[in-house]
mmCIF file of all heavy atoms, coordinates in Angstrom:
data_MODEL
# 
_entry.id   MODEL 
# 
loop_
_atom_site.group_PDB 
_atom_site.id 
_atom_site.type_symbol 
_atom_site.label_atom_id 
_atom_site.label_alt_id 
_atom_site.label_comp_id 
_atom_site.label_asym_id 
_atom_site.label_entity_id 
_atom_site.label_seq_id 
_atom_site.pdbx_PDB_ins_code 
_atom_site.Cartn_x 
_atom_site.Cartn_y 
_atom_site.Cartn_z 
_atom_site.occupancy 
_atom_site.B_iso_or_equiv 
_atom_site.pdbx_formal_charge 
_atom_site.auth_seq_id 
_atom_site.auth_comp_id 
_atom_site.auth_asym_id 
_atom_site.auth_atom_id 
_atom_site.pdbx_PDB_model_num 
ATOM 1   N N   . ASP A 1 1  ? -34.030 -8.203  31.516 1.00 0.00 ? 1  ASP A N   1 
ATOM 2   C CA  . ASP A 1 1  ? -33.484 -7.721  32.785 1.00 0.00 ? 1  ASP A CA  1 
ATOM 3   C C   . ASP A 1 1  ? -33.259 -6.215  32.665 1.00 0.00 ? 1  ASP A C   1 
ATOM 4   O O   . ASP A 1 1  ? -32.274 -5.786  32.060 1.00 0.00 ? 1  ASP A O   1 
ATOM 5   C CB  . ASP A 1 1  ? -32.172 -8.435  33.099 1.00 0.00 ? 1  ASP A CB  1 
ATOM 6   C CG  . ASP A 1 1  ? -31.662 -8.106  34.498 1.00 0.00 ? 1  ASP A CG  1 
ATOM 7   O OD1 . ASP A 1 1  ? -32.030 -7.034  35.016 1.00 0.00 ? 1  ASP A OD1 1 
ATOM 8   O OD2 . ASP A 1 1  ? -30.912 -8.914  35.058 1.00 0.00 ? 1  ASP A OD2 1 
ATOM 9   N N   . PRO A 1 2  ? -34.164 -5.404  33.220 1.00 0.00 ? 2  PRO A N   1 
ATOM 10  C CA  . PRO A 1 2  ? -34.025 -3.944  33.086 1.00 0.00 ? 2  PRO A CA  1 
ATOM 11  C C   . PRO A 1 2  ? -32.687 -3.420  33.572 1.00 0.00 ? 2  PRO A C   1 
ATOM 12  O O   . PRO A 1 2  ? -32.137 -2.486  32.982 1.00 0.00 ? 2  PRO A O   1 
ATOM 13  C CB  . PRO A 1 2  ? -35.177 -3.417  33.959 1.00 0.00 ? 2  PRO A CB  1 
ATOM 14  C CG  . PRO A 1 2  ? -36.179 -4.511  33.960 1.00 0.00 ? 2  PRO A CG  1 
ATOM 15  C CD  . PRO A 1 2  ? -35.378 -5.789  33.935 1.00 0.00 ? 2  PRO A CD  1 
ATOM 16  N N   . SER A 1 3  ? -32.126 -4.012  34.630 1.00 0.00 ? 3  SER A N   1 
ATOM 17  C CA  . SER A 1 3  ? -30.848 -3.540  35.162 1.00 0.00 ? 3  SER A CA  1 
ATOM 18  C C   . SER A 1 3  ? -29.748 -3.679  34.121 1.00 0.00 ? 3  SER A C   1 
ATOM 19  O O   . SER A 1 3  ? -28.964 -2.751  33.891 1.00 0.00 ? 3  SER A O   1 
ATOM 20  C CB  . SER A 1 3  ? -30.475 -4.339  36.418 1.00 0.00 ? 3  SER A CB  1 
ATOM 21  O OG  . SER A 1 3  ? -31.410 -4.121  37.445 1.00 0.00 ? 3  SER A OG  1 
ATOM 22  N N   . LYS A 1 4  ? -29.700 -4.846  33.472 1.00 0.00 ? 4  LYS A N   1 
ATOM 23  C CA  . LYS A 1 4  ? -28.667 -5.067  32.460 1.00 0.00 ? 4  LYS A CA  1 
ATOM 24  C C   . LYS A 1 4  ? -28.885 -4.164  31.254 1.00 0.00 ? 4  LYS A C   1 
ATOM 25  O O   . LYS A 1 4  ? -27.926 -3.634  30.683 1.00 0.00 ? 4  LYS A O   1 
ATOM 26  C CB  . LYS A 1 4  ? -28.677 -6.538  32.025 1.00 0.00 ? 4  LYS A CB  1 
ATOM 27  C CG  . LYS A 1 4  ? -28.221 -7.500  33.105 1.00 0.00 ? 4  LYS A CG  1 
ATOM 28  C CD  . LYS A 1 4  ? -28.225 -8.929  32.592 1.00 0.00 ? 4  LYS A CD  1 
ATOM 29  C CE  . LYS A 1 4  ? -27.761 -9.892  33.677 1.00 0.00 ? 4  LYS A CE  1 
ATOM 30  N NZ  . LYS A 1 4  ? -27.774 -11.297 33.204 1.00 0.00 ? 4  LYS A NZ  1 
ATOM 31  N N   . MET A 1 5  ? -30.138 -3.987  30.847 1.00 0.00 ? 5  MET A N   1 
ATOM 32  C CA  . MET A 1 5  ? -30.417 -3.163  29.682 1.00 0.00 ? 5  MET A CA  1 
ATOM 33  C C   . MET A 1 5  ? -30.115 -1.703  29.960 1.00 0.00 ? 5  MET A C   1 
ATOM 34  O O   . MET A 1 5  ? -29.633 -0.977  29.085 1.00 0.00 ? 5  MET A O   1 
ATOM 35  C CB  . MET A 1 5  ? -31.880 -3.337  29.259 1.00 0.00 ? 5  MET A CB  1 
ATOM 36  C CG  . MET A 1 5  ? -32.211 -4.735  28.731 1.00 0.00 ? 5  MET A CG  1 
ATOM 37  S SD  . MET A 1 5  ? -31.088 -5.304  27.430 1.00 0.00 ? 5  MET A SD  1 
ATOM 38  C CE  . MET A 1 5  ? -31.375 -4.055  26.170 1.00 0.00 ? 5  MET A CE  1 
ATOM 39  N N   . ILE A 1 6  ? -30.374 -1.252  31.172 1.00 0.00 ? 6  ILE A N   1 
ATOM 40  C CA  . ILE A 1 6  ? -30.052 0.134   31.533 1.00 0.00 ? 6  ILE A CA  1 
ATOM 41  C C   . ILE A 1 6  ? -28.547 0.352   31.466 1.00 0.00 ? 6  ILE A C   1 
ATOM 42  O O   . ILE A 1 6  ? -28.069 1.378   30.967 1.00 0.00 ? 6  ILE A O   1 
ATOM 43  C CB  . ILE A 1 6  ? -30.594 0.456   32.942 1.00 0.00 ? 6  ILE A CB  1 
ATOM 44  C CG1 . ILE A 1 6  ? -32.122 0.628   32.888 1.00 0.00 ? 6  ILE A CG1 1 
ATOM 45  C CG2 . ILE A 1 6  ? -29.953 1.724   33.481 1.00 0.00 ? 6  ILE A CG2 1 
ATOM 46  C CD1 . ILE A 1 6  ? -32.578 1.821   32.070 1.00 0.00 ? 6  ILE A CD1 1 
ATOM 47  N N   . GLU A 1 7  ? -27.790 -0.609  31.972 1.00 0.00 ? 7  GLU A N   1 
ATOM 48  C CA  . GLU A 1 7  ? -26.330 -0.505  31.919 1.00 0.00 ? 7  GLU A CA  1 
ATOM 49  C C   . GLU A 1 7  ? -25.852 -0.460  30.473 1.00 0.00 ? 7  GLU A C   1 
ATOM 50  O O   . GLU A 1 7  ? -24.956 0.317   30.119 1.00 0.00 ? 7  GLU A O   1 
ATOM 51  C CB  . GLU A 1 7  ? -25.684 -1.690  32.655 1.00 0.00 ? 7  GLU A CB  1 
ATOM 52  C CG  . GLU A 1 7  ? -25.865 -1.682  34.156 1.00 0.00 ? 7  GLU A CG  1 
ATOM 53  C CD  . GLU A 1 7  ? -25.060 -0.588  34.828 1.00 0.00 ? 7  GLU A CD  1 
ATOM 54  O OE1 . GLU A 1 7  ? -24.276 0.107   34.157 1.00 0.00 ? 7  GLU A OE1 1 
ATOM 55  O OE2 . GLU A 1 7  ? -25.224 -0.397  36.052 1.00 0.00 ? 7  GLU A OE2 1 
ATOM 56  N N   . GLN A 1 8  ? -26.453 -1.316  29.629 1.00 0.00 ? 8  GLN A N   1 
ATOM 57  C CA  . GLN A 1 8  ? -26.073 -1.328  28.217 1.00 0.00 ? 8  GLN A CA  1 
ATOM 58  C C   . GLN A 1 8  ? -26.413 -0.010  27.554 1.00 0.00 ? 8  GLN A C   1 
ATOM 59  O O   . GLN A 1 8  ? -25.633 0.532   26.758 1.00 0.00 ? 8  GLN A O   1 
ATOM 60  C CB  . GLN A 1 8  ? -26.788 -2.483  27.497 1.00 0.00 ? 8  GLN A CB  1 
ATOM 61  C CG  . GLN A 1 8  ? -26.434 -2.607  26.015 1.00 0.00 ? 8  GLN A CG  1 
ATOM 62  C CD  . GLN A 1 8  ? -24.968 -2.861  25.786 1.00 0.00 ? 8  GLN A CD  1 
ATOM 63  O OE1 . GLN A 1 8  ? -24.382 -3.754  26.391 1.00 0.00 ? 8  GLN A OE1 1 
ATOM 64  N NE2 . GLN A 1 8  ? -24.339 -2.078  24.916 1.00 0.00 ? 8  GLN A NE2 1 
ATOM 65  N N   . TYR A 1 9  ? -27.578 0.519   27.874 1.00 0.00 ? 9  TYR A N   1 
ATOM 66  C CA  . TYR A 1 9  ? -27.998 1.795   27.292 1.00 0.00 ? 9  TYR A CA  1 
ATOM 67  C C   . TYR A 1 9  ? -27.056 2.914   27.711 1.00 0.00 ? 9  TYR A C   1 
ATOM 68  O O   . TYR A 1 9  ? -26.678 3.766   26.890 1.00 0.00 ? 9  TYR A O   1 
ATOM 69  C CB  . TYR A 1 9  ? -29.424 2.102   27.740 1.00 0.00 ? 9  TYR A CB  1 
ATOM 70  C CG  . TYR A 1 9  ? -29.955 3.407   27.185 1.00 0.00 ? 9  TYR A CG  1 
ATOM 71  C CD1 . TYR A 1 9  ? -30.039 3.618   25.818 1.00 0.00 ? 9  TYR A CD1 1 
ATOM 72  C CD2 . TYR A 1 9  ? -30.358 4.436   28.032 1.00 0.00 ? 9  TYR A CD2 1 
ATOM 73  C CE1 . TYR A 1 9  ? -30.513 4.812   25.306 1.00 0.00 ? 9  TYR A CE1 1 
ATOM 74  C CE2 . TYR A 1 9  ? -30.830 5.627   27.524 1.00 0.00 ? 9  TYR A CE2 1 
ATOM 75  C CZ  . TYR A 1 9  ? -30.903 5.803   26.163 1.00 0.00 ? 9  TYR A CZ  1 
ATOM 76  O OH  . TYR A 1 9  ? -31.365 6.994   25.663 1.00 0.00 ? 9  TYR A OH  1 
ATOM 77  N N   . MET A 1 10 ? -26.616 2.914   28.964 1.00 0.00 ? 10 MET A N   1 
ATOM 78  C CA  . MET A 1 10 ? -25.694 3.937   29.429 1.00 0.00 ? 10 MET A CA  1 
ATOM 79  C C   . MET A 1 10 ? -24.343 3.806   28.733 1.00 0.00 ? 10 MET A C   1 
ATOM 80  O O   . MET A 1 10 ? -23.699 4.806   28.388 1.00 0.00 ? 10 MET A O   1 
ATOM 81  C CB  . MET A 1 10 ? -25.507 3.839   30.942 1.00 0.00 ? 10 MET A CB  1 
ATOM 82  C CG  . MET A 1 10 ? -26.752 4.171   31.751 1.00 0.00 ? 10 MET A CG  1 
ATOM 83  S SD  . MET A 1 10 ? -27.413 5.820   31.401 1.00 0.00 ? 10 MET A SD  1 
ATOM 84  C CE  . MET A 1 10 ? -26.048 6.861   31.929 1.00 0.00 ? 10 MET A CE  1 
ATOM 85  N N   . ARG A 1 11 ? -23.901 2.562   28.491 1.00 0.00 ? 11 ARG A N   1 
ATOM 86  C CA  . ARG A 1 11 ? -22.645 2.375   27.759 1.00 0.00 ? 11 ARG A CA  1 
ATOM 87  C C   . ARG A 1 11 ? -22.775 2.901   26.336 1.00 0.00 ? 11 ARG A C   1 
ATOM 88  O O   . ARG A 1 11 ? -21.845 3.546   25.819 1.00 0.00 ? 11 ARG A O   1 
ATOM 89  C CB  . ARG A 1 11 ? -22.257 0.889   27.742 1.00 0.00 ? 11 ARG A CB  1 
ATOM 90  C CG  . ARG A 1 11 ? -21.709 0.385   29.074 1.00 0.00 ? 11 ARG A CG  1 
ATOM 91  C CD  . ARG A 1 11 ? -21.055 -0.978  28.913 1.00 0.00 ? 11 ARG A CD  1 
ATOM 92  N NE  . ARG A 1 11 ? -22.025 -2.006  28.580 1.00 0.00 ? 11 ARG A NE  1 
ATOM 93  C CZ  . ARG A 1 11 ? -22.659 -2.734  29.486 1.00 0.00 ? 11 ARG A CZ  1 
ATOM 94  N NH1 . ARG A 1 11 ? -22.438 -2.531  30.784 1.00 0.00 ? 11 ARG A NH1 1 
ATOM 95  N NH2 . ARG A 1 11 ? -23.522 -3.658  29.119 1.00 0.00 ? 11 ARG A NH2 1 
ATOM 96  N N   . ASP A 1 12 ? -23.923 2.628   25.709 1.00 0.00 ? 12 ASP A N   1 
ATOM 97  C CA  . ASP A 1 12 ? -24.139 3.125   24.345 1.00 0.00 ? 12 ASP A CA  1 
ATOM 98  C C   . ASP A 1 12 ? -24.137 4.648   24.309 1.00 0.00 ? 12 ASP A C   1 
ATOM 99  O O   . ASP A 1 12 ? -23.561 5.265   23.400 1.00 0.00 ? 12 ASP A O   1 
ATOM 100 C CB  . ASP A 1 12 ? -25.472 2.593   23.793 1.00 0.00 ? 12 ASP A CB  1 
ATOM 101 C CG  . ASP A 1 12 ? -25.444 1.088   23.554 1.00 0.00 ? 12 ASP A CG  1 
ATOM 102 O OD1 . ASP A 1 12 ? -24.322 0.527   23.515 1.00 0.00 ? 12 ASP A OD1 1 
ATOM 103 O OD2 . ASP A 1 12 ? -26.513 0.478   23.427 1.00 0.00 ? 12 ASP A OD2 1 
ATOM 104 N N   . LEU A 1 13 ? -24.780 5.255   25.284 1.00 0.00 ? 13 LEU A N   1 
ATOM 105 C CA  . LEU A 1 13 ? -24.822 6.716   25.326 1.00 0.00 ? 13 LEU A CA  1 
ATOM 106 C C   . LEU A 1 13 ? -23.431 7.305   25.559 1.00 0.00 ? 13 LEU A C   1 
ATOM 107 O O   . LEU A 1 13 ? -23.071 8.326   24.971 1.00 0.00 ? 13 LEU A O   1 
ATOM 108 C CB  . LEU A 1 13 ? -25.768 7.188   26.438 1.00 0.00 ? 13 LEU A CB  1 
ATOM 109 C CG  . LEU A 1 13 ? -27.252 7.253   26.093 1.00 0.00 ? 13 LEU A CG  1 
ATOM 110 C CD1 . LEU A 1 13 ? -28.037 7.765   27.291 1.00 0.00 ? 13 LEU A CD1 1 
ATOM 111 C CD2 . LEU A 1 13 ? -27.510 8.150   24.891 1.00 0.00 ? 13 LEU A CD2 1 
ATOM 112 N N   . THR A 1 14 ? -22.651 6.653   26.404 1.00 0.00 ? 14 THR A N   1 
ATOM 113 C CA  . THR A 1 14 ? -21.293 7.136   26.673 1.00 0.00 ? 14 THR A CA  1 
ATOM 114 C C   . THR A 1 14 ? -20.440 7.066   25.412 1.00 0.00 ? 14 THR A C   1 
ATOM 115 O O   . THR A 1 14 ? -19.665 7.979   25.114 1.00 0.00 ? 14 THR A O   1 
ATOM 116 C CB  . THR A 1 14 ? -20.647 6.312   27.796 1.00 0.00 ? 14 THR A CB  1 
ATOM 117 O OG1 . THR A 1 14 ? -21.457 6.406   28.982 1.00 0.00 ? 14 THR A OG1 1 
ATOM 118 C CG2 . THR A 1 14 ? -19.251 6.820   28.117 1.00 0.00 ? 14 THR A CG2 1 
ATOM 119 N N   . GLU A 1 15 ? -20.591 5.961   24.663 1.00 0.00 ? 15 GLU A N   1 
ATOM 120 C CA  . GLU A 1 15 ? -19.872 5.845   23.388 1.00 0.00 ? 15 GLU A CA  1 
ATOM 121 C C   . GLU A 1 15 ? -20.348 6.916   22.405 1.00 0.00 ? 15 GLU A C   1 
ATOM 122 O O   . GLU A 1 15 ? -19.537 7.514   21.677 1.00 0.00 ? 15 GLU A O   1 
ATOM 123 C CB  . GLU A 1 15 ? -20.078 4.453   22.799 1.00 0.00 ? 15 GLU A CB  1 
ATOM 124 C CG  . GLU A 1 15 ? -19.418 3.336   23.608 1.00 0.00 ? 15 GLU A CG  1 
ATOM 125 C CD  . GLU A 1 15 ? -19.731 1.964   23.062 1.00 0.00 ? 15 GLU A CD  1 
ATOM 126 O OE1 . GLU A 1 15 ? -20.437 1.891   22.025 1.00 0.00 ? 15 GLU A OE1 1 
ATOM 127 O OE2 . GLU A 1 15 ? -19.286 0.963   23.649 1.00 0.00 ? 15 GLU A OE2 1 
ATOM 128 N N   . SER A 1 16 ? -21.648 7.157   22.377 1.00 0.00 ? 16 SER A N   1 
ATOM 129 C CA  . SER A 1 16 ? -22.190 8.172   21.489 1.00 0.00 ? 16 SER A CA  1 
ATOM 130 C C   . SER A 1 16 ? -21.682 9.559   21.869 1.00 0.00 ? 16 SER A C   1 
ATOM 131 O O   . SER A 1 16 ? -21.397 10.390  21.000 1.00 0.00 ? 16 SER A O   1 
ATOM 132 C CB  . SER A 1 16 ? -23.725 8.156   21.529 1.00 0.00 ? 16 SER A CB  1 
ATOM 133 O OG  . SER A 1 16 ? -24.228 6.916   21.066 1.00 0.00 ? 16 SER A OG  1 
ATOM 134 N N   . LEU A 1 17 ? -21.560 9.798   23.181 1.00 0.00 ? 17 LEU A N   1 
ATOM 135 C CA  . LEU A 1 17 ? -21.051 11.083  23.641 1.00 0.00 ? 17 LEU A CA  1 
ATOM 136 C C   . LEU A 1 17 ? -19.631 11.312  23.141 1.00 0.00 ? 17 LEU A C   1 
ATOM 137 O O   . LEU A 1 17 ? -19.267 12.427  22.744 1.00 0.00 ? 17 LEU A O   1 
ATOM 138 C CB  . LEU A 1 17 ? -21.088 11.154  25.167 1.00 0.00 ? 17 LEU A CB  1 
ATOM 139 C CG  . LEU A 1 17 ? -20.490 12.418  25.795 1.00 0.00 ? 17 LEU A CG  1 
ATOM 140 C CD1 . LEU A 1 17 ? -21.231 13.657  25.302 1.00 0.00 ? 17 LEU A CD1 1 
ATOM 141 C CD2 . LEU A 1 17 ? -20.532 12.329  27.315 1.00 0.00 ? 17 LEU A CD2 1 
ATOM 142 N N   . ALA A 1 18 ? -18.815 10.253  23.147 1.00 0.00 ? 18 ALA A N   1 
ATOM 143 C CA  . ALA A 1 18 ? -17.445 10.383  22.654 1.00 0.00 ? 18 ALA A CA  1 
ATOM 144 C C   . ALA A 1 18 ? -17.449 10.767  21.179 1.00 0.00 ? 18 ALA A C   1 
ATOM 145 O O   . ALA A 1 18 ? -16.652 11.620  20.737 1.00 0.00 ? 18 ALA A O   1 
ATOM 146 C CB  . ALA A 1 18 ? -16.691 9.070   22.872 1.00 0.00 ? 18 ALA A CB  1 
ATOM 147 N N   . GLU A 1 19 ? -18.368 10.172  20.395 1.00 0.00 ? 19 GLU A N   1 
ATOM 148 C CA  . GLU A 1 19 ? -18.463 10.508  18.974 1.00 0.00 ? 19 GLU A CA  1 
ATOM 149 C C   . GLU A 1 19 ? -18.937 11.948  18.793 1.00 0.00 ? 19 GLU A C   1 
ATOM 150 O O   . GLU A 1 19 ? -18.407 12.691  17.946 1.00 0.00 ? 19 GLU A O   1 
ATOM 151 C CB  . GLU A 1 19 ? -19.424 9.547   18.271 1.00 0.00 ? 19 GLU A CB  1 
ATOM 152 C CG  . GLU A 1 19 ? -18.951 8.099   18.242 1.00 0.00 ? 19 GLU A CG  1 
ATOM 153 C CD  . GLU A 1 19 ? -19.941 7.209   17.514 1.00 0.00 ? 19 GLU A CD  1 
ATOM 154 O OE1 . GLU A 1 19 ? -20.485 7.654   16.482 1.00 0.00 ? 19 GLU A OE1 1 
ATOM 155 O OE2 . GLU A 1 19 ? -20.193 6.085   17.974 1.00 0.00 ? 19 GLU A OE2 1 
ATOM 156 N N   . VAL A 1 20 ? -19.931 12.329  19.565 1.00 0.00 ? 20 VAL A N   1 
ATOM 157 C CA  . VAL A 1 20 ? -20.450 13.695  19.470 1.00 0.00 ? 20 VAL A CA  1 
ATOM 158 C C   . VAL A 1 20 ? -19.375 14.702  19.855 1.00 0.00 ? 20 VAL A C   1 
ATOM 159 O O   . VAL A 1 20 ? -19.209 15.754  19.229 1.00 0.00 ? 20 VAL A O   1 
ATOM 160 C CB  . VAL A 1 20 ? -21.699 13.862  20.371 1.00 0.00 ? 20 VAL A CB  1 
ATOM 161 C CG1 . VAL A 1 20 ? -22.100 15.328  20.466 1.00 0.00 ? 20 VAL A CG1 1 
ATOM 162 C CG2 . VAL A 1 20 ? -22.862 13.039  19.818 1.00 0.00 ? 20 VAL A CG2 1 
ATOM 163 N N   . LYS A 1 21 ? -18.627 14.383  20.900 1.00 0.00 ? 21 LYS A N   1 
ATOM 164 C CA  . LYS A 1 21 ? -17.562 15.278  21.361 1.00 0.00 ? 21 LYS A CA  1 
ATOM 165 C C   . LYS A 1 21 ? -16.520 15.470  20.255 1.00 0.00 ? 21 LYS A C   1 
ATOM 166 O O   . LYS A 1 21 ? -16.072 16.596  19.988 1.00 0.00 ? 21 LYS A O   1 
ATOM 167 C CB  . LYS A 1 21 ? -16.921 14.705  22.623 1.00 0.00 ? 21 LYS A CB  1 
ATOM 168 C CG  . LYS A 1 21 ? -15.976 15.681  23.337 1.00 0.00 ? 21 LYS A CG  1 
ATOM 169 C CD  . LYS A 1 21 ? -15.316 15.005  24.529 1.00 0.00 ? 21 LYS A CD  1 
ATOM 170 C CE  . LYS A 1 21 ? -16.328 14.619  25.573 1.00 0.00 ? 21 LYS A CE  1 
ATOM 171 N NZ  . LYS A 1 21 ? -16.934 15.799  26.243 1.00 0.00 ? 21 LYS A NZ  1 
ATOM 172 N N   . GLU A 1 22 ? -16.146 14.369  19.599 1.00 0.00 ? 22 GLU A N   1 
ATOM 173 C CA  . GLU A 1 22 ? -15.152 14.446  18.527 1.00 0.00 ? 22 GLU A CA  1 
ATOM 174 C C   . GLU A 1 22 ? -15.679 15.274  17.356 1.00 0.00 ? 22 GLU A C   1 
ATOM 175 O O   . GLU A 1 22 ? -14.966 16.125  16.810 1.00 0.00 ? 22 GLU A O   1 
ATOM 176 C CB  . GLU A 1 22 ? -14.790 13.033  18.069 1.00 0.00 ? 22 GLU A CB  1 
ATOM 177 C CG  . GLU A 1 22 ? -13.709 12.991  16.992 1.00 0.00 ? 22 GLU A CG  1 
ATOM 178 C CD  . GLU A 1 22 ? -13.334 11.568  16.606 1.00 0.00 ? 22 GLU A CD  1 
ATOM 179 O OE1 . GLU A 1 22 ? -13.793 10.619  17.274 1.00 0.00 ? 22 GLU A OE1 1 
ATOM 180 O OE2 . GLU A 1 22 ? -12.584 11.413  15.626 1.00 0.00 ? 22 GLU A OE2 1 
ATOM 181 N N   . SER A 1 23 ? -16.923 15.019  16.973 1.00 0.00 ? 23 SER A N   1 
ATOM 182 C CA  . SER A 1 23 ? -17.504 15.770  15.852 1.00 0.00 ? 23 SER A CA  1 
ATOM 183 C C   . SER A 1 23 ? -17.690 17.242  16.215 1.00 0.00 ? 23 SER A C   1 
ATOM 184 O O   . SER A 1 23 ? -17.484 18.131  15.375 1.00 0.00 ? 23 SER A O   1 
ATOM 185 C CB  . SER A 1 23 ? -18.849 15.158  15.452 1.00 0.00 ? 23 SER A CB  1 
ATOM 186 O OG  . SER A 1 23 ? -18.682 13.843  14.961 1.00 0.00 ? 23 SER A OG  1 
ATOM 187 N N   . THR A 1 24 ? -18.090 17.492  17.460 1.00 0.00 ? 24 THR A N   1 
ATOM 188 C CA  . THR A 1 24 ? -18.267 18.877  17.903 1.00 0.00 ? 24 THR A CA  1 
ATOM 189 C C   . THR A 1 24 ? -16.943 19.625  17.855 1.00 0.00 ? 24 THR A C   1 
ATOM 190 O O   . THR A 1 24 ? -16.878 20.782  17.416 1.00 0.00 ? 24 THR A O   1 
ATOM 191 C CB  . THR A 1 24 ? -18.836 18.920  19.328 1.00 0.00 ? 24 THR A CB  1 
ATOM 192 O OG1 . THR A 1 24 ? -20.089 18.245  19.360 1.00 0.00 ? 24 THR A OG1 1 
ATOM 193 C CG2 . THR A 1 24 ? -19.029 20.354  19.793 1.00 0.00 ? 24 THR A CG2 1 
ATOM 194 N N   . ALA A 1 25 ? -15.884 18.959  18.286 1.00 0.00 ? 25 ALA A N   1 
ATOM 195 C CA  . ALA A 1 25 ? -14.561 19.584  18.256 1.00 0.00 ? 25 ALA A CA  1 
ATOM 196 C C   . ALA A 1 25 ? -14.163 19.911  16.826 1.00 0.00 ? 25 ALA A C   1 
ATOM 197 O O   . ALA A 1 25 ? -13.590 20.986  16.546 1.00 0.00 ? 25 ALA A O   1 
ATOM 198 C CB  . ALA A 1 25 ? -13.527 18.658  18.898 1.00 0.00 ? 25 ALA A CB  1 
ATOM 199 N N   . ALA A 1 26 ? -14.469 18.986  15.877 1.00 0.00 ? 26 ALA A N   1 
ATOM 200 C CA  . ALA A 1 26 ? -14.127 19.223  14.477 1.00 0.00 ? 26 ALA A CA  1 
ATOM 201 C C   . ALA A 1 26 ? -14.901 20.421  13.920 1.00 0.00 ? 26 ALA A C   1 
ATOM 202 O O   . ALA A 1 26 ? -14.344 21.257  13.186 1.00 0.00 ? 26 ALA A O   1 
ATOM 203 C CB  . ALA A 1 26 ? -14.420 17.974  13.652 1.00 0.00 ? 26 ALA A CB  1 
# 
């Protein structure tokens, strides 16, 4: 189901962004 997978991918990217933001701040 592309719709569900796209949503999952966006959630993964959002989580990754939080990690990148934290590391960037450090």
